[in-house]
């Protein structure tokens, strides 16, 4: 939401690739900070870790509200500092459910990660309204206050079930010698490389290419968030029937089709809505299933640090994906031709599904098996 406003209103002369660093670093640094966040979760009360993360997030947005005159200030505050706090909240929230559930672990984690979809469902139009009526400064301040209040209450319930014994190695990189982990890692890099293009570019595409209103572009993000909420919970139940890895393959493959088949060939509002619905339903499933697959393959004892290592892949994909997507739009598409950017996103999402297919074949040679 903020990137669309920065691109079209606040910083219209800035390159899209430059503006994209705000959102890119939000997700990217959050993932690269997953390793220290995972270590903290093993050694410090996860409730305290989460609370401190919420405080950092709130303060960063409030400071950013006074720095909206230059994009580099927003990159530091809204991008980097915010994401450090977000990592301290995200790692505990995704690793703790896997410790408490076994049979319905995928559903439990799906419900948790669906929270981001529910939040985006109301926060996207709320942010749009705040920006229109109060400006970006007050929108950032109010959002920071909301984050602090909600996260302070939620942190009280983030209690880890397992006590991890201390060890000589703070981080065990031996998991990288496991080919299964490498396949998941590379697949996650590809998936996150293509993941953000629809979120960042669909609204501006709807306005610049299709000729739709600003509110239509905002509604597309709302649709993605709503569908993502349903998808993240629904894939938990689907995974119980089909298997976690099978479902992860399905999610990434259908996500690529929503980009390459529904978005790429058409410049019609109806197909944009269809693309947003299908993409939202399946893209969130990939995110929710990663911690579950980790727990299935390596157990829950070290899940916080293993997830932290895996999210390094998300960092790599994010740092490549969004800036490259913006640069492709600027330099190849001349700011208005989105097709090269859409192809870039869809192909990488398709490649991720191929790596997960190889993982599935490595885990089980049977073509039809719940796994």
Protein backbone atom coordinates (compact mmCIF):
# COMPACT_ATOMS: atom_id res chain seq x y z
CA UNK A 1 0.00 0.00 0.00
CA UNK A 2 2.74 2.44 0.96
CA UNK A 3 4.84 1.59 -2.09
CA UNK A 4 1.95 2.35 -4.43
CA UNK A 5 1.45 5.72 -2.73
CA UNK A 6 5.19 6.49 -2.74
CA UNK A 7 5.39 5.57 -6.44
CA UNK A 8 2.35 7.48 -7.69
CA UNK A 9 2.14 10.44 -5.28
CA UNK A 10 4.90 11.11 -2.78
CA UNK A 11 8.02 10.26 -4.82
CA UNK A 12 6.84 10.17 -8.46
CA UNK A 13 10.32 10.99 -9.80
CA UNK A 14 12.02 8.09 -8.00
CA UNK A 15 12.67 4.85 -9.86
CA UNK A 16 10.40 1.95 -8.94
CA UNK A 17 13.49 -0.15 -8.20
CA UNK A 18 14.57 2.41 -5.58
CA UNK A 19 11.15 2.63 -3.94
CA UNK A 20 10.88 -1.15 -3.81
CA UNK A 21 13.76 -1.29 -1.32
CA UNK A 22 11.42 -0.22 1.49
CA UNK A 23 9.20 -3.27 1.14
CA UNK A 24 12.07 -5.50 0.04
CA UNK A 25 14.11 -4.81 3.15
CA UNK A 26 11.05 -5.22 5.36
CA UNK A 27 10.74 -8.83 4.32
CA UNK A 28 14.39 -9.47 3.51
CA UNK A 29 16.01 -8.28 6.73
CA UNK A 30 13.22 -9.96 8.71
CA UNK A 31 14.32 -13.25 7.18
CA UNK A 32 18.08 -12.77 7.49
CA UNK A 33 17.59 -11.80 11.14
CA UNK A 34 15.78 -15.10 11.59
CA UNK A 35 19.02 -16.81 12.68
CA UNK A 36 19.70 -14.57 15.71
CA UNK A 37 15.97 -14.52 16.43
CA UNK A 38 15.92 -18.33 16.47
CA UNK A 39 18.95 -18.39 18.78
CA UNK A 40 17.22 -15.97 21.14
CA UNK A 41 14.10 -18.13 21.16
CA UNK A 42 16.21 -21.10 22.29
CA UNK A 43 17.87 -19.18 25.12
CA UNK A 44 15.40 -16.50 26.22
CA UNK A 45 11.70 -16.64 27.09
CA UNK A 46 9.90 -16.41 23.74
CA UNK A 47 7.30 -14.13 25.31
CA UNK A 48 10.00 -11.55 26.04
CA UNK A 49 11.53 -11.94 22.57
CA UNK A 50 8.16 -11.28 20.94
CA UNK A 51 7.38 -8.30 23.17
CA UNK A 52 10.72 -6.62 22.41
CA UNK A 53 10.11 -7.20 18.71
CA UNK A 54 6.75 -5.42 18.91
CA UNK A 55 8.34 -2.46 20.67
CA UNK A 56 10.99 -2.16 17.94
CA UNK A 57 8.35 -2.34 15.20
CA UNK A 58 6.22 0.35 16.81
CA UNK A 59 9.13 2.72 17.45
CA UNK A 60 10.47 2.29 13.90
CA UNK A 61 7.15 3.29 12.32
CA UNK A 62 6.73 6.27 14.62
CA UNK A 63 10.25 7.47 13.75
CA UNK A 64 9.54 6.84 10.06
CA UNK A 65 6.54 9.17 10.28
CA UNK A 66 9.00 12.04 10.79
CA UNK A 67 11.26 10.91 7.93
CA UNK A 68 8.92 10.98 4.94
CA UNK A 69 10.86 13.71 3.12
CA UNK A 70 13.55 11.35 1.79
CA UNK A 71 13.28 7.77 0.63
CA UNK A 72 16.60 6.71 2.19
CA UNK A 73 15.28 7.57 5.65
CA UNK A 74 12.24 5.37 5.06
CA UNK A 75 14.50 2.55 3.84
CA UNK A 76 16.33 2.63 7.18
CA UNK A 77 13.34 3.05 9.50
CA UNK A 78 10.34 1.50 7.75
CA UNK A 79 12.53 -1.01 5.96
CA UNK A 80 15.48 -2.19 8.09
CA UNK A 81 14.66 -1.35 11.73
CA UNK A 82 11.01 -2.42 11.40
CA UNK A 83 12.01 -5.77 9.95
CA UNK A 84 14.39 -6.55 12.84
CA UNK A 85 11.48 -6.22 15.24
CA UNK A 86 9.24 -8.19 12.89
CA UNK A 87 11.70 -11.09 12.92
CA UNK A 88 11.59 -11.23 16.73
CA UNK A 89 7.81 -11.60 16.46
CA UNK A 90 7.61 -13.85 13.39
CA UNK A 91 10.09 -16.59 14.35
CA UNK A 92 8.42 -17.40 17.71
CA UNK A 93 4.92 -17.23 16.22
CA UNK A 94 5.73 -19.74 13.45
CA UNK A 95 7.91 -22.13 15.48
CA UNK A 96 5.82 -22.43 18.66
CA UNK A 97 2.67 -24.03 17.07
CA UNK A 98 4.81 -26.82 15.58
CA UNK A 99 5.95 -27.66 19.12
CA UNK A 100 2.43 -27.95 20.53
CA UNK A 101 0.73 -29.88 17.71
CA UNK A 102 1.53 -33.12 15.89
CA UNK A 103 -1.51 -34.57 14.10
CA UNK A 104 -2.92 -31.20 13.00
CA UNK A 105 0.37 -29.35 12.89
CA UNK A 106 -0.18 -28.00 9.36
CA UNK A 107 -3.60 -26.64 10.29
CA UNK A 108 -2.24 -25.04 13.48
CA UNK A 109 0.59 -23.30 11.65
CA UNK A 110 -1.80 -22.36 8.82
CA UNK A 111 -4.12 -20.62 11.28
CA UNK A 112 -1.18 -18.73 12.75
CA UNK A 113 0.22 -17.50 9.44
CA UNK A 114 -3.32 -16.67 8.30
CA UNK A 115 -3.10 -13.87 10.84
CA UNK A 116 -1.06 -11.83 8.38
CA UNK A 117 -3.83 -12.24 5.80
CA UNK A 118 -6.49 -11.22 8.30
CA UNK A 119 -4.40 -8.24 9.32
CA UNK A 120 -3.90 -7.21 5.71
CA UNK A 121 -7.60 -7.68 5.04
CA UNK A 122 -8.57 -4.78 7.30
CA UNK A 123 -5.25 -2.90 7.48
CA UNK A 124 -4.94 -2.34 3.72
CA UNK A 125 -8.20 -0.34 3.35
CA UNK A 126 -7.61 1.24 6.76
CA UNK A 127 -4.15 2.41 5.68
CA UNK A 128 -5.59 3.73 2.43
CA UNK A 129 -8.19 5.71 4.38
CA UNK A 130 -5.60 7.03 6.85
CA UNK A 131 -3.27 8.13 4.05
CA UNK A 132 -6.11 9.88 2.20
CA UNK A 133 -7.51 11.66 5.25
CA UNK A 134 -4.51 12.09 7.58
CA UNK A 135 -1.41 11.66 5.41
CA UNK A 136 1.37 9.06 5.52
CA UNK A 137 2.91 10.45 8.73
CA UNK A 138 -0.15 9.84 10.89
CA UNK A 139 -0.88 6.57 9.10
CA UNK A 140 2.55 5.31 10.20
CA UNK A 141 2.10 6.57 13.78
CA UNK A 142 -1.32 5.01 14.22
CA UNK A 143 -0.11 1.71 12.74
CA UNK A 144 2.84 1.71 15.15
CA UNK A 145 0.55 2.24 18.14
CA UNK A 146 -1.77 -0.56 16.99
CA UNK A 147 1.17 -2.96 16.57
CA UNK A 148 2.45 -2.20 20.06
CA UNK A 149 -0.95 -2.71 21.69
CA UNK A 150 -1.90 -5.91 19.88
CA UNK A 151 1.51 -7.55 20.05
CA UNK A 152 1.91 -6.77 23.76
CA UNK A 153 -1.20 -8.81 24.50
CA UNK A 154 -0.34 -11.61 22.04
CA UNK A 155 3.18 -11.97 23.46
CA UNK A 156 1.77 -13.10 26.80
CA UNK A 157 0.64 -16.36 25.18
CA UNK A 158 3.80 -17.17 23.16
CA UNK A 159 5.23 -19.79 25.50
CA UNK A 160 7.61 -22.41 24.16
CA UNK A 161 6.82 -26.03 25.07
CA UNK A 162 10.37 -27.39 24.83
CA UNK A 163 13.50 -26.50 26.74
CA UNK A 164 16.50 -26.67 24.44
CA UNK A 165 19.73 -27.94 25.96
CA UNK A 166 22.74 -25.69 25.51
CA UNK A 167 25.33 -26.76 22.95
CA UNK A 168 28.79 -25.71 21.81
CA UNK A 169 27.68 -24.58 18.35
CA UNK A 170 25.41 -21.56 18.48
CA UNK A 171 24.22 -22.29 14.92
CA UNK A 172 24.57 -25.74 13.38
CA UNK A 173 25.15 -25.31 9.64
CA UNK A 174 25.46 -29.08 9.19
CA UNK A 175 21.90 -29.17 7.87
CA UNK A 176 23.22 -27.68 4.62
CA UNK A 177 24.91 -31.02 3.95
CA UNK A 178 21.46 -32.59 3.72
CA UNK A 179 20.27 -32.55 0.10
CA UNK A 180 16.65 -32.31 1.26
CA UNK A 181 17.40 -29.04 3.01
CA UNK A 182 19.28 -27.70 -0.01
CA UNK A 183 16.30 -28.44 -2.28
CA UNK A 184 13.93 -26.68 0.11
CA UNK A 185 16.39 -23.79 0.43
CA UNK A 186 16.75 -23.29 -3.34
CA UNK A 187 13.02 -23.74 -3.86
CA UNK A 188 12.33 -21.10 -1.22
CA UNK A 189 14.79 -18.71 -2.91
CA UNK A 190 12.92 -19.10 -6.21
CA UNK A 191 9.49 -18.78 -4.61
CA UNK A 192 10.30 -15.58 -2.72
CA UNK A 193 12.01 -14.12 -5.79
CA UNK A 194 8.66 -14.21 -7.58
CA UNK A 195 6.40 -13.82 -4.55
CA UNK A 196 6.22 -10.04 -4.13
CA UNK A 197 5.72 -8.88 -7.72
CA UNK A 198 1.92 -9.36 -7.66
CA UNK A 199 1.70 -7.65 -4.26
CA UNK A 200 3.76 -4.65 -5.36
CA UNK A 201 2.74 -4.37 -9.02
CA UNK A 202 -0.90 -5.45 -9.36
CA UNK A 203 -2.32 -2.17 -7.96
CA UNK A 204 -0.17 0.08 -10.18
CA UNK A 205 -0.78 -2.24 -13.17
CA UNK A 206 -4.51 -1.88 -12.66
CA UNK A 207 -4.22 1.91 -12.68
CA UNK A 208 -1.59 2.47 -15.36
CA UNK A 209 -2.40 -0.30 -17.86
CA UNK A 210 -6.04 -1.25 -17.30
CA UNK A 211 -7.14 2.28 -16.42
CA UNK A 212 -8.82 1.39 -13.16
CA UNK A 213 -9.20 3.68 -10.16
CA UNK A 214 -6.91 3.91 -7.16
CA UNK A 215 -9.52 2.19 -5.02
CA UNK A 216 -9.65 -0.76 -7.45
CA UNK A 217 -5.92 -1.29 -7.00
CA UNK A 218 -6.35 -1.17 -3.23
CA UNK A 219 -9.17 -3.69 -3.47
CA UNK A 220 -6.91 -6.11 -5.34
CA UNK A 221 -4.58 -6.20 -2.34
CA UNK A 222 -7.56 -6.68 -0.06
CA UNK A 223 -8.70 -9.60 -2.23
CA UNK A 224 -5.24 -11.19 -2.09
CA UNK A 225 -5.18 -10.87 1.70
CA UNK A 226 -8.70 -12.28 2.06
CA UNK A 227 -7.95 -15.21 -0.23
CA UNK A 228 -4.61 -15.74 1.51
CA UNK A 229 -6.38 -16.01 4.87
CA UNK A 230 -8.67 -18.72 3.52
CA UNK A 231 -5.81 -20.41 1.68
CA UNK A 232 -3.42 -20.60 4.61
CA UNK A 233 -6.04 -22.25 6.80
CA UNK A 234 -7.42 -24.41 3.99
CA UNK A 235 -4.03 -25.73 2.92
CA UNK A 236 -3.54 -26.97 6.46
CA UNK A 237 -6.52 -29.28 6.02
CA UNK A 238 -5.52 -30.18 2.46
CA UNK A 239 -2.03 -31.05 3.69
CA UNK A 240 -3.56 -33.42 6.25
CA UNK A 241 -5.18 -35.32 3.39
CA UNK A 242 -2.53 -35.06 0.65
CA UNK A 243 0.64 -34.61 2.67
CA UNK A 244 2.68 -31.49 3.42
CA UNK A 245 5.21 -31.75 0.60
CA UNK A 246 2.56 -32.65 -1.98
CA UNK A 247 0.52 -29.63 -0.95
CA UNK A 248 3.57 -27.35 -1.07
CA UNK A 249 4.23 -28.46 -4.66
CA UNK A 250 0.60 -27.77 -5.55
CA UNK A 251 0.64 -24.31 -3.95
CA UNK A 252 3.74 -23.05 -5.76
CA UNK A 253 2.65 -24.54 -9.10
CA UNK A 254 -0.86 -23.03 -9.04
CA UNK A 255 0.59 -19.70 -7.86
CA UNK A 256 2.78 -19.63 -10.97
CA UNK A 257 -0.25 -20.37 -13.16
CA UNK A 258 -2.19 -17.48 -11.60
CA UNK A 259 0.61 -15.17 -12.73
CA UNK A 260 1.45 -16.61 -16.15
CA UNK A 261 -2.04 -17.70 -17.25
CA UNK A 262 -4.44 -15.25 -15.59
CA UNK A 263 -2.38 -12.06 -15.24
CA UNK A 264 0.13 -12.05 -18.13
CA UNK A 265 -2.14 -12.39 -21.20
CA UNK A 266 -4.96 -10.08 -20.11
CA UNK A 267 -5.57 -6.40 -19.41
CA UNK A 268 -9.09 -6.72 -18.05
CA UNK A 269 -10.32 -5.97 -14.56
CA UNK A 270 -12.15 -9.29 -14.24
CA UNK A 271 -9.06 -11.41 -14.90
CA UNK A 272 -7.05 -9.28 -12.47
CA UNK A 273 -9.59 -10.11 -9.78
CA UNK A 274 -9.43 -13.81 -10.73
CA UNK A 275 -5.63 -13.72 -10.63
CA UNK A 276 -5.68 -12.01 -7.21
CA UNK A 277 -8.08 -14.64 -5.82
CA UNK A 278 -6.16 -17.66 -7.11
CA UNK A 279 -2.77 -16.20 -6.19
CA UNK A 280 -3.96 -15.32 -2.69
CA UNK A 281 -5.42 -18.78 -2.11
CA UNK A 282 -2.23 -20.64 -2.99
CA UNK A 283 0.75 -18.33 -2.36
CA UNK A 284 0.07 -18.23 1.37
CA UNK A 285 0.04 -22.02 1.61
CA UNK A 286 3.71 -22.19 0.69
CA UNK A 287 4.64 -19.86 3.55
CA UNK A 288 2.55 -21.73 6.09
CA UNK A 289 3.82 -25.17 5.10
CA UNK A 290 7.55 -24.48 5.28
CA UNK A 291 7.76 -24.68 9.11
CA UNK A 292 5.60 -27.83 9.04
CA UNK A 293 7.84 -29.59 6.52
CA UNK A 294 10.87 -28.59 8.62
CA UNK A 295 9.30 -30.15 11.71
CA UNK A 296 8.36 -33.31 9.79
CA UNK A 297 11.86 -33.84 8.40
CA UNK A 298 14.07 -32.70 11.30
CA UNK A 299 11.86 -32.71 14.39
CA UNK A 300 10.76 -29.85 16.64
CA UNK A 301 13.68 -29.75 19.09
CA UNK A 302 15.74 -27.30 17.00
CA UNK A 303 12.97 -25.94 14.85
CA UNK A 304 13.57 -22.27 15.77
CA UNK A 305 17.16 -22.22 14.48
CA UNK A 306 16.40 -24.44 11.47
CA UNK A 307 13.58 -22.12 10.44
CA UNK A 308 15.95 -19.20 10.97
CA UNK A 309 18.47 -20.81 8.61
CA UNK A 310 15.76 -21.53 6.05
CA UNK A 311 14.56 -17.95 6.11
CA UNK A 312 17.99 -16.96 4.83
CA UNK A 313 16.61 -18.33 1.56
CA UNK A 314 13.66 -15.97 1.82
CA UNK A 315 16.13 -13.12 2.39
CA UNK A 316 18.09 -14.04 -0.75
CA UNK A 317 14.95 -14.34 -2.85
CA UNK A 318 13.51 -11.09 -1.56
CA UNK A 319 16.71 -9.13 -2.13
CA UNK A 320 16.81 -10.42 -5.71
CA UNK A 321 13.11 -10.45 -6.52
CA UNK A 322 11.53 -7.09 -5.75
CA UNK A 323 14.45 -4.84 -6.83
CA UNK A 324 14.95 -6.89 -10.01
CA UNK A 325 11.24 -6.74 -10.73
CA UNK A 326 11.30 -2.96 -10.34
CA UNK A 327 14.46 -2.64 -12.44
CA UNK A 328 12.92 -4.77 -15.20
CA UNK A 329 9.85 -2.54 -15.19
CA UNK A 330 12.01 0.62 -15.33
CA UNK A 331 14.61 -0.46 -17.88
CA UNK A 332 12.91 -3.05 -20.08
CA UNK A 333 9.26 -2.07 -19.66
CA UNK A 334 9.98 1.68 -19.62
CA UNK A 335 7.79 2.04 -16.53
CA UNK A 336 4.57 1.00 -18.26
CA UNK A 337 5.09 -2.42 -19.91
CA UNK A 338 4.61 -4.93 -17.10
CA UNK A 339 4.89 -8.13 -19.18
CA UNK A 340 8.64 -8.74 -18.62
CA UNK A 341 8.12 -8.22 -14.90
CA UNK A 342 5.15 -10.61 -14.81
CA UNK A 343 7.12 -13.29 -16.70
CA UNK A 344 10.04 -12.86 -14.31
CA UNK A 345 7.77 -13.46 -11.31
CA UNK A 346 5.86 -16.38 -12.77
CA UNK A 347 8.91 -18.27 -14.04
CA UNK A 348 10.65 -18.13 -10.67
CA UNK A 349 7.52 -19.33 -8.90
CA UNK A 350 7.30 -22.19 -11.40
CA UNK A 351 10.95 -23.10 -10.81
CA UNK A 352 10.31 -23.34 -7.07
CA UNK A 353 7.62 -25.94 -7.65
CA UNK A 354 10.09 -27.97 -9.71
CA UNK A 355 12.61 -28.06 -6.86
CA UNK A 356 9.88 -29.20 -4.49
CA UNK A 357 8.95 -31.94 -6.97
CA UNK A 358 12.55 -33.20 -6.80
CA UNK A 359 12.36 -33.05 -2.99
CA UNK A 360 9.17 -35.08 -3.05
CA UNK A 361 10.81 -37.69 -5.32
CA UNK A 362 13.80 -37.89 -2.97
CA UNK A 363 11.63 -38.43 0.10
CA UNK A 364 9.46 -41.07 -1.59
CA UNK A 365 9.73 -42.83 -4.95
CA UNK A 366 6.04 -43.71 -4.98
CA UNK A 367 4.03 -41.54 -7.37
CA UNK A 368 0.85 -41.67 -5.33
CA UNK A 369 1.56 -41.33 -1.63
CA UNK A 370 0.57 -38.94 1.13
CA UNK A 371 3.81 -37.20 2.01
